[in-house]
PDB file of N, CA and C in Angstrom:
ATOM      1  N   MET A   1      -5.772  29.259  79.571  1.00  0.00           N
ATOM      2  CA  MET A   1      -5.322  28.201  78.698  1.00  0.00           C
ATOM      3  C   MET A   1      -5.536  28.592  77.227  1.00  0.00           C
ATOM      4  N   GLN A   2      -6.607  29.322  76.937  1.00  0.00           N
ATOM      5  CA  GLN A   2      -6.854  29.741  75.560  1.00  0.00           C
ATOM      6  C   GLN A   2      -5.707  30.598  75.046  1.00  0.00           C
ATOM      7  N   ASN A   3      -5.228  31.524  75.865  1.00  0.00           N
ATOM      8  CA  ASN A   3      -4.109  32.368  75.436  1.00  0.00           C
ATOM      9  C   ASN A   3      -2.852  31.552  75.187  1.00  0.00           C
ATOM     10  N   GLU A   4      -2.628  30.537  75.992  1.00  0.00           N
ATOM     11  CA  GLU A   4      -1.455  29.686  75.798  1.00  0.00           C
ATOM     12  C   GLU A   4      -1.563  28.921  74.476  1.00  0.00           C
ATOM     13  N   ILE A   5      -2.754  28.469  74.141  1.00  0.00           N
ATOM     14  CA  ILE A   5      -2.953  27.782  72.860  1.00  0.00           C
ATOM     15  C   ILE A   5      -2.757  28.762  71.705  1.00  0.00           C
ATOM     16  N   ILE A   6      -3.294  29.969  71.840  1.00  0.00           N
ATOM     17  CA  ILE A   6      -3.102  30.985  70.801  1.00  0.00           C
ATOM     18  C   ILE A   6      -1.616  31.264  70.600  1.00  0.00           C
ATOM     19  N   ASN A   7      -0.848  31.267  71.679  1.00  0.00           N
ATOM     20  CA  ASN A   7       0.588  31.520  71.584  1.00  0.00           C
ATOM     21  C   ASN A   7       1.348  30.392  70.897  1.00  0.00           C
ATOM     22  N   LEU A   8       0.716  29.234  70.730  1.00  0.00           N
ATOM     23  CA  LEU A   8       1.346  28.135  69.994  1.00  0.00           C
ATOM     24  C   LEU A   8       1.312  28.370  68.485  1.00  0.00           C
ATOM     25  N   LEU A   9       0.454  29.298  68.032  1.00  0.00           N
ATOM     26  CA  LEU A   9       0.363  29.583  66.595  1.00  0.00           C
ATOM     27  C   LEU A   9       1.679  30.179  66.114  1.00  0.00           C
ATOM     28  N   PRO A  10       2.202  29.689  64.993  1.00  0.00           N
ATOM     29  CA  PRO A  10       3.478  30.210  64.489  1.00  0.00           C
ATOM     30  C   PRO A  10       3.395  31.666  64.039  1.00  0.00           C
ATOM     31  N   ASP A  11       2.255  32.084  63.540  1.00  0.00           N
ATOM     32  CA  ASP A  11       2.051  33.465  63.082  1.00  0.00           C
ATOM     33  C   ASP A  11       0.571  33.796  63.258  1.00  0.00           C
ATOM     34  N   GLN A  12       0.279  34.622  64.239  1.00  0.00           N
ATOM     35  CA  GLN A  12      -1.118  34.899  64.563  1.00  0.00           C
ATOM     36  C   GLN A  12      -1.833  35.683  63.469  1.00  0.00           C
ATOM     37  N   ASN A  13      -1.100  36.225  62.507  1.00  0.00           N
ATOM     38  CA  ASN A  13      -1.739  36.916  61.377  1.00  0.00           C
ATOM     39  C   ASN A  13      -2.148  35.944  60.277  1.00  0.00           C
ATOM     40  N   GLU A  14      -1.589  34.749  60.294  1.00  0.00           N
ATOM     41  CA  GLU A  14      -1.860  33.764  59.248  1.00  0.00           C
ATOM     42  C   GLU A  14      -2.775  32.631  59.715  1.00  0.00           C
ATOM     43  N   TYR A  15      -2.993  32.542  61.011  1.00  0.00           N
ATOM     44  CA  TYR A  15      -3.818  31.469  61.572  1.00  0.00           C
ATOM     45  C   TYR A  15      -4.926  32.054  62.428  1.00  0.00           C
ATOM     46  N   LEU A  16      -6.015  31.344  62.505  1.00  0.00           N
ATOM     47  CA  LEU A  16      -7.121  31.673  63.396  1.00  0.00           C
ATOM     48  C   LEU A  16      -7.353  30.484  64.314  1.00  0.00           C
ATOM     49  N   VAL A  17      -7.732  30.766  65.532  1.00  0.00           N
ATOM     50  CA  VAL A  17      -8.095  29.693  66.449  1.00  0.00           C
ATOM     51  C   VAL A  17      -9.370  30.114  67.160  1.00  0.00           C
ATOM     52  N   GLY A  18     -10.269  29.161  67.324  1.00  0.00           N
ATOM     53  CA  GLY A  18     -11.519  29.430  68.015  1.00  0.00           C
ATOM     54  C   GLY A  18     -11.791  28.354  69.048  1.00  0.00           C
ATOM     55  N   PHE A  19     -12.557  28.723  70.045  1.00  0.00           N
ATOM     56  CA  PHE A  19     -12.887  27.812  71.133  1.00  0.00           C
ATOM     57  C   PHE A  19     -14.405  27.805  71.286  1.00  0.00           C
ATOM     58  N   ALA A  20     -14.962  26.625  71.503  1.00  0.00           N
ATOM     59  CA  ALA A  20     -16.416  26.531  71.623  1.00  0.00           C
ATOM     60  C   ALA A  20     -16.802  25.570  72.735  1.00  0.00           C
ATOM     61  N   ASP A  21     -17.813  25.970  73.480  1.00  0.00           N
ATOM     62  CA  ASP A  21     -18.438  25.077  74.445  1.00  0.00           C
ATOM     63  C   ASP A  21     -19.549  24.362  73.686  1.00  0.00           C
ATOM     64  N   MET A  22     -19.358  23.088  73.435  1.00  0.00           N
ATOM     65  CA  MET A  22     -20.303  22.317  72.639  1.00  0.00           C
ATOM     66  C   MET A  22     -21.473  21.800  73.475  1.00  0.00           C
ATOM     67  N   GLY A  23     -21.391  21.992  74.785  1.00  0.00           N
ATOM     68  CA  GLY A  23     -22.465  21.509  75.653  1.00  0.00           C
ATOM     69  C   GLY A  23     -22.694  20.024  75.425  1.00  0.00           C
ATOM     70  N   THR A  24     -23.905  19.659  75.159  1.00  0.00           N
ATOM     71  CA  THR A  24     -24.234  18.253  74.911  1.00  0.00           C
ATOM     72  C   THR A  24     -24.528  17.991  73.435  1.00  0.00           C
ATOM     73  N   LEU A  25     -24.167  18.940  72.583  1.00  0.00           N
ATOM     74  CA  LEU A  25     -24.490  18.861  71.161  1.00  0.00           C
ATOM     75  C   LEU A  25     -24.056  17.539  70.523  1.00  0.00           C
ATOM     76  N   LEU A  26     -22.847  17.082  70.815  1.00  0.00           N
ATOM     77  CA  LEU A  26     -22.327  15.856  70.200  1.00  0.00           C
ATOM     78  C   LEU A  26     -22.096  14.742  71.216  1.00  0.00           C
ATOM     79  N   LYS A  27     -22.739  14.857  72.352  1.00  0.00           N
ATOM     80  CA  LYS A  27     -22.501  13.925  73.453  1.00  0.00           C
ATOM     81  C   LYS A  27     -22.685  12.456  73.076  1.00  0.00           C
ATOM     82  N   GLU A  28     -23.620  12.171  72.198  1.00  0.00           N
ATOM     83  CA  GLU A  28     -23.884  10.778  71.825  1.00  0.00           C
ATOM     84  C   GLU A  28     -22.733  10.191  71.009  1.00  0.00           C
ATOM     85  N   GLU A  29     -22.009  11.031  70.268  1.00  0.00           N
ATOM     86  CA  GLU A  29     -20.926  10.544  69.426  1.00  0.00           C
ATOM     87  C   GLU A  29     -19.543  10.748  70.031  1.00  0.00           C
ATOM     88  N   PHE A  30     -19.369  11.838  70.780  1.00  0.00           N
ATOM     89  CA  PHE A  30     -18.052  12.178  71.332  1.00  0.00           C
ATOM     90  C   PHE A  30     -18.182  12.553  72.797  1.00  0.00           C
ATOM     91  N   PRO A  31     -17.194  12.178  73.607  1.00  0.00           N
ATOM     92  CA  PRO A  31     -17.289  12.484  75.040  1.00  0.00           C
ATOM     93  C   PRO A  31     -16.799  13.882  75.398  1.00  0.00           C
ATOM     94  N   PHE A  32     -16.484  14.707  74.407  1.00  0.00           N
ATOM     95  CA  PHE A  32     -15.882  16.004  74.678  1.00  0.00           C
ATOM     96  C   PHE A  32     -16.924  17.117  74.717  1.00  0.00           C
ATOM     97  N   ARG A  33     -16.724  18.035  75.634  1.00  0.00           N
ATOM     98  CA  ARG A  33     -17.641  19.165  75.744  1.00  0.00           C
ATOM     99  C   ARG A  33     -17.122  20.390  74.993  1.00  0.00           C
ATOM    100  N   TYR A  34     -15.803  20.526  74.900  1.00  0.00           N
ATOM    101  CA  TYR A  34     -15.201  21.719  74.293  1.00  0.00           C
ATOM    102  C   TYR A  34     -14.509  21.388  72.984  1.00  0.00           C
ATOM    103  N   ALA A  35     -14.452  22.378  72.106  1.00  0.00           N
ATOM    104  CA  ALA A  35     -13.792  22.196  70.812  1.00  0.00           C
ATOM    105  C   ALA A  35     -12.786  23.318  70.599  1.00  0.00           C
ATOM    106  N   VAL A  36     -11.684  22.966  69.950  1.00  0.00           N
ATOM    107  CA  VAL A  36     -10.694  23.935  69.497  1.00  0.00           C
ATOM    108  C   VAL A  36     -10.652  23.802  67.979  1.00  0.00           C
ATOM    109  N   VAL A  37     -10.817  24.917  67.289  1.00  0.00           N
ATOM    110  CA  VAL A  37     -10.830  24.921  65.828  1.00  0.00           C
ATOM    111  C   VAL A  37      -9.700  25.822  65.341  1.00  0.00           C
ATOM    112  N   VAL A  38      -8.934  25.317  64.377  1.00  0.00           N
ATOM    113  CA  VAL A  38      -7.805  26.086  63.845  1.00  0.00           C
ATOM    114  C   VAL A  38      -7.961  26.202  62.335  1.00  0.00           C
ATOM    115  N   GLY A  39      -7.722  27.400  61.827  1.00  0.00           N
ATOM    116  CA  GLY A  39      -7.779  27.645  60.385  1.00  0.00           C
ATOM    117  C   GLY A  39      -6.550  28.418  59.942  1.00  0.00           C
ATOM    118  N   ALA A  40      -6.251  28.343  58.673  1.00  0.00           N
ATOM    119  CA  ALA A  40      -5.089  29.045  58.123  1.00  0.00           C
ATOM    120  C   ALA A  40      -5.498  29.854  56.903  1.00  0.00           C
ATOM    121  N   LYS A  41      -4.892  31.000  56.766  1.00  0.00           N
ATOM    122  CA  LYS A  41      -5.148  31.867  55.615  1.00  0.00           C
ATOM    123  C   LYS A  41      -4.387  31.320  54.409  1.00  0.00           C
ATOM    124  N   LEU A  42      -5.065  31.252  53.297  1.00  0.00           N
ATOM    125  CA  LEU A  42      -4.403  30.853  52.054  1.00  0.00           C
ATOM    126  C   LEU A  42      -3.849  32.103  51.370  1.00  0.00           C
ATOM    127  N   ASP A  43      -2.804  31.911  50.600  1.00  0.00           N
ATOM    128  CA  ASP A  43      -2.126  33.014  49.912  1.00  0.00           C
ATOM    129  C   ASP A  43      -3.049  33.635  48.861  1.00  0.00           C
ATOM    130  N   ASP A  44      -3.305  34.934  49.003  1.00  0.00           N
ATOM    131  CA  ASP A  44      -4.209  35.631  48.085  1.00  0.00           C
ATOM    132  C   ASP A  44      -3.753  35.530  46.631  1.00  0.00           C
ATOM    133  N   SER A  45      -2.450  35.609  46.388  1.00  0.00           N
ATOM    134  CA  SER A  45      -1.978  35.583  44.995  1.00  0.00           C
ATOM    135  C   SER A  45      -2.247  34.231  44.345  1.00  0.00           C
ATOM    136  N   ILE A  46      -2.194  33.176  45.123  1.00  0.00           N
ATOM    137  CA  ILE A  46      -2.495  31.845  44.580  1.00  0.00           C
ATOM    138  C   ILE A  46      -3.997  31.700  44.346  1.00  0.00           C
ATOM    139  N   ILE A  47      -4.788  32.158  45.291  1.00  0.00           N
ATOM    140  CA  ILE A  47      -6.244  32.093  45.137  1.00  0.00           C
ATOM    141  C   ILE A  47      -6.677  32.942  43.947  1.00  0.00           C
ATOM    142  N   ASP A  48      -6.099  34.130  43.812  1.00  0.00           N
ATOM    143  CA  ASP A  48      -6.452  35.023  42.699  1.00  0.00           C
ATOM    144  C   ASP A  48      -6.057  34.445  41.342  1.00  0.00           C
ATOM    145  N   GLY A  49      -5.100  33.496  41.341  1.00  0.00           N
ATOM    146  CA  GLY A  49      -4.652  32.877  40.097  1.00  0.00           C
ATOM    147  C   GLY A  49      -5.591  31.808  39.569  1.00  0.00           C
ATOM    148  N   ILE A  50      -6.619  31.490  40.329  1.00  0.00           N
ATOM    149  CA  ILE A  50      -7.595  30.484  39.895  1.00  0.00           C
ATOM    150  C   ILE A  50      -8.630  31.174  39.009  1.00  0.00           C
ATOM    151  N   GLU A  51      -8.718  30.732  37.759  1.00  0.00           N
ATOM    152  CA  GLU A  51      -9.701  31.316  36.851  1.00  0.00           C
ATOM    153  C   GLU A  51     -10.881  30.391  36.613  1.00  0.00           C
ATOM    154  N   PHE A  52     -10.599  29.182  36.173  1.00  0.00           N
ATOM    155  CA  PHE A  52     -11.675  28.255  35.831  1.00  0.00           C
ATOM    156  C   PHE A  52     -11.679  26.999  36.703  1.00  0.00           C
ATOM    157  N   ALA A  53     -10.516  26.630  37.183  1.00  0.00           N
ATOM    158  CA  ALA A  53     -10.388  25.426  37.999  1.00  0.00           C
ATOM    159  C   ALA A  53      -9.127  25.570  38.847  1.00  0.00           C
ATOM    160  N   PRO A  54      -9.046  24.811  39.931  1.00  0.00           N
ATOM    161  CA  PRO A  54      -7.845  24.881  40.760  1.00  0.00           C
ATOM    162  C   PRO A  54      -6.579  24.620  39.937  1.00  0.00           C
ATOM    163  N   THR A  55      -5.535  25.344  40.280  1.00  0.00           N
ATOM    164  CA  THR A  55      -4.260  25.230  39.574  1.00  0.00           C
ATOM    165  C   THR A  55      -3.314  24.316  40.342  1.00  0.00           C
ATOM    166  N   THR A  56      -2.223  23.965  39.708  1.00  0.00           N
ATOM    167  CA  THR A  56      -1.185  23.165  40.386  1.00  0.00           C
ATOM    168  C   THR A  56      -0.634  23.933  41.576  1.00  0.00           C
ATOM    169  N   ASP A  57      -0.430  25.249  41.412  1.00  0.00           N
ATOM    170  CA  ASP A  57       0.050  26.066  42.538  1.00  0.00           C
ATOM    171  C   ASP A  57      -0.932  26.007  43.701  1.00  0.00           C
ATOM    172  N   TYR A  58      -2.216  26.100  43.402  1.00  0.00           N
ATOM    173  CA  TYR A  58      -3.230  26.020  44.454  1.00  0.00           C
ATOM    174  C   TYR A  58      -3.184  24.651  45.134  1.00  0.00           C
ATOM    175  N   PHE A  59      -3.130  23.591  44.346  1.00  0.00           N
ATOM    176  CA  PHE A  59      -3.089  22.232  44.883  1.00  0.00           C
ATOM    177  C   PHE A  59      -1.908  22.071  45.839  1.00  0.00           C
ATOM    178  N   ASN A  60      -0.724  22.523  45.412  1.00  0.00           N
ATOM    179  CA  ASN A  60       0.479  22.412  46.250  1.00  0.00           C
ATOM    180  C   ASN A  60       0.358  23.262  47.511  1.00  0.00           C
ATOM    181  N   HIS A  61      -0.139  24.485  47.353  1.00  0.00           N
ATOM    182  CA  HIS A  61      -0.300  25.386  48.494  1.00  0.00           C
ATOM    183  C   HIS A  61      -1.324  24.825  49.489  1.00  0.00           C
ATOM    184  N   TYR A  62      -2.417  24.323  48.977  1.00  0.00           N
ATOM    185  CA  TYR A  62      -3.462  23.729  49.808  1.00  0.00           C
ATOM    186  C   TYR A  62      -2.896  22.560  50.617  1.00  0.00           C
ATOM    187  N   ASN A  63      -2.148  21.689  49.960  1.00  0.00           N
ATOM    188  CA  ASN A  63      -1.569  20.536  50.662  1.00  0.00           C
ATOM    189  C   ASN A  63      -0.547  20.965  51.708  1.00  0.00           C
ATOM    190  N   ARG A  64       0.316  21.937  51.375  1.00  0.00           N
ATOM    191  CA  ARG A  64       1.289  22.443  52.363  1.00  0.00           C
ATOM    192  C   ARG A  64       0.576  23.061  53.555  1.00  0.00           C
ATOM    193  N   THR A  65      -0.454  23.835  53.279  1.00  0.00           N
ATOM    194  CA  THR A  65      -1.207  24.481  54.357  1.00  0.00           C
ATOM    195  C   THR A  65      -1.838  23.443  55.268  1.00  0.00           C
ATOM    196  N   ASN A  66      -2.414  22.392  54.699  1.00  0.00           N
ATOM    197  CA  ASN A  66      -3.017  21.341  55.517  1.00  0.00           C
ATOM    198  C   ASN A  66      -1.980  20.543  56.291  1.00  0.00           C
ATOM    199  N   GLU A  67      -0.803  20.341  55.725  1.00  0.00           N
ATOM    200  CA  GLU A  67       0.279  19.691  56.471  1.00  0.00           C
ATOM    201  C   GLU A  67       0.672  20.548  57.672  1.00  0.00           C
ATOM    202  N   ASN A  68       0.771  21.875  57.460  1.00  0.00           N
ATOM    203  CA  ASN A  68       1.103  22.779  58.558  1.00  0.00           C
ATOM    204  C   ASN A  68       0.014  22.768  59.630  1.00  0.00           C
ATOM    205  N   LEU A  69      -1.248  22.743  59.210  1.00  0.00           N
ATOM    206  CA  LEU A  69      -2.346  22.664  60.170  1.00  0.00           C
ATOM    207  C   LEU A  69      -2.298  21.361  60.962  1.00  0.00           C
ATOM    208  N   ASN A  70      -2.003  20.268  60.282  1.00  0.00           N
ATOM    209  CA  ASN A  70      -1.889  18.979  60.983  1.00  0.00           C
ATOM    210  C   ASN A  70      -0.789  19.019  62.033  1.00  0.00           C
ATOM    211  N   GLU A  71       0.356  19.602  61.686  1.00  0.00           N
ATOM    212  CA  GLU A  71       1.457  19.726  62.646  1.00  0.00           C
ATOM    213  C   GLU A  71       1.047  20.597  63.834  1.00  0.00           C
ATOM    214  N   LEU A  72       0.325  21.667  63.556  1.00  0.00           N
ATOM    215  CA  LEU A  72      -0.128  22.555  64.619  1.00  0.00           C
ATOM    216  C   LEU A  72      -1.136  21.856  65.526  1.00  0.00           C
ATOM    217  N   ILE A  73      -2.031  21.080  64.945  1.00  0.00           N
ATOM    218  CA  ILE A  73      -3.012  20.336  65.743  1.00  0.00           C
ATOM    219  C   ILE A  73      -2.302  19.321  66.643  1.00  0.00           C
ATOM    220  N   ILE A  74      -1.278  18.677  66.131  1.00  0.00           N
ATOM    221  CA  ILE A  74      -0.492  17.745  66.953  1.00  0.00           C
ATOM    222  C   ILE A  74       0.158  18.487  68.115  1.00  0.00           C
ATOM    223  N   LYS A  75       0.687  19.669  67.840  1.00  0.00           N
ATOM    224  CA  LYS A  75       1.319  20.488  68.880  1.00  0.00           C
ATOM    225  C   LYS A  75       0.297  20.880  69.949  1.00  0.00           C
ATOM    226  N   ILE A  76      -0.896  21.300  69.529  1.00  0.00           N
ATOM    227  CA  ILE A  76      -1.946  21.665  70.478  1.00  0.00           C
ATOM    228  C   ILE A  76      -2.397  20.438  71.268  1.00  0.00           C
ATOM    229  N   SER A  77      -2.531  19.317  70.581  1.00  0.00           N
ATOM    230  CA  SER A  77      -2.925  18.075  71.238  1.00  0.00           C
ATOM    231  C   SER A  77      -1.921  17.676  72.318  1.00  0.00           C
ATOM    232  N   LYS A  78      -0.635  17.789  72.005  1.00  0.00           N
ATOM    233  CA  LYS A  78       0.412  17.476  72.996  1.00  0.00           C
ATOM    234  C   LYS A  78       0.342  18.444  74.172  1.00  0.00           C
ATOM    235  N   TYR A  79       0.092  19.706  73.883  1.00  0.00           N
ATOM    236  CA  TYR A  79      -0.044  20.698  74.956  1.00  0.00           C
ATOM    237  C   TYR A  79      -1.189  20.299  75.885  1.00  0.00           C
ATOM    238  N   LEU A  80      -2.343  19.957  75.316  1.00  0.00           N
ATOM    239  CA  LEU A  80      -3.492  19.569  76.132  1.00  0.00           C
ATOM    240  C   LEU A  80      -3.213  18.302  76.927  1.00  0.00           C
ATOM    241  N   THR A  81      -2.575  17.332  76.293  1.00  0.00           N
ATOM    242  CA  THR A  81      -2.229  16.091  76.985  1.00  0.00           C
ATOM    243  C   THR A  81      -1.273  16.359  78.147  1.00  0.00           C
ATOM    244  N   ASN A  82      -0.296  17.240  77.915  1.00  0.00           N
ATOM    245  CA  ASN A  82       0.677  17.581  78.975  1.00  0.00           C
ATOM    246  C   ASN A  82       0.019  18.312  80.138  1.00  0.00           C
ATOM    247  N   HIS A  83      -1.161  18.878  79.909  1.00  0.00           N
ATOM    248  CA  HIS A  83      -1.899  19.565  80.959  1.00  0.00           C
ATOM    249  C   HIS A  83      -3.081  18.725  81.440  1.00  0.00           C
ATOM    250  N   ASP A  84      -2.975  17.411  81.228  1.00  0.00           N
ATOM    251  CA  ASP A  84      -3.965  16.437  81.719  1.00  0.00           C
ATOM    252  C   ASP A  84      -5.382  16.695  81.185  1.00  0.00           C
ATOM    253  N   ILE A  85      -5.440  17.157  79.941  1.00  0.00           N
ATOM    254  CA  ILE A  85      -6.733  17.340  79.296  1.00  0.00           C
ATOM    255  C   ILE A  85      -6.828  16.319  78.177  1.00  0.00           C
ATOM    256  N   GLU A  86      -7.853  15.474  78.224  1.00  0.00           N
ATOM    257  CA  GLU A  86      -8.018  14.462  77.178  1.00  0.00           C
ATOM    258  C   GLU A  86      -8.275  15.133  75.854  1.00  0.00           C
ATOM    259  N   ASN A  87      -7.748  14.531  74.789  1.00  0.00           N
ATOM    260  CA  ASN A  87      -8.010  15.076  73.453  1.00  0.00           C
ATOM    261  C   ASN A  87      -8.534  14.020  72.541  1.00  0.00           C
TER     262      ASN A  87
END
């Protein structure tokens, strides 16, 4: 199943996905034992353009990246739901 989730990534060079067995670490707050974590690489040229404070380009890129991550999380969530795994 992990490989199938990894294959949902639009570009495996731009995204990272990790899987963790949380055991009982968060049992009191959440009923889930496993976690899926997704991250995205930010554009180096935009990051390098930050000198003293975040720029408008960074702000826009950051928001687009988070929108893409949200869409990907929805896609993964639907995949898990379709395979009878609660999310």
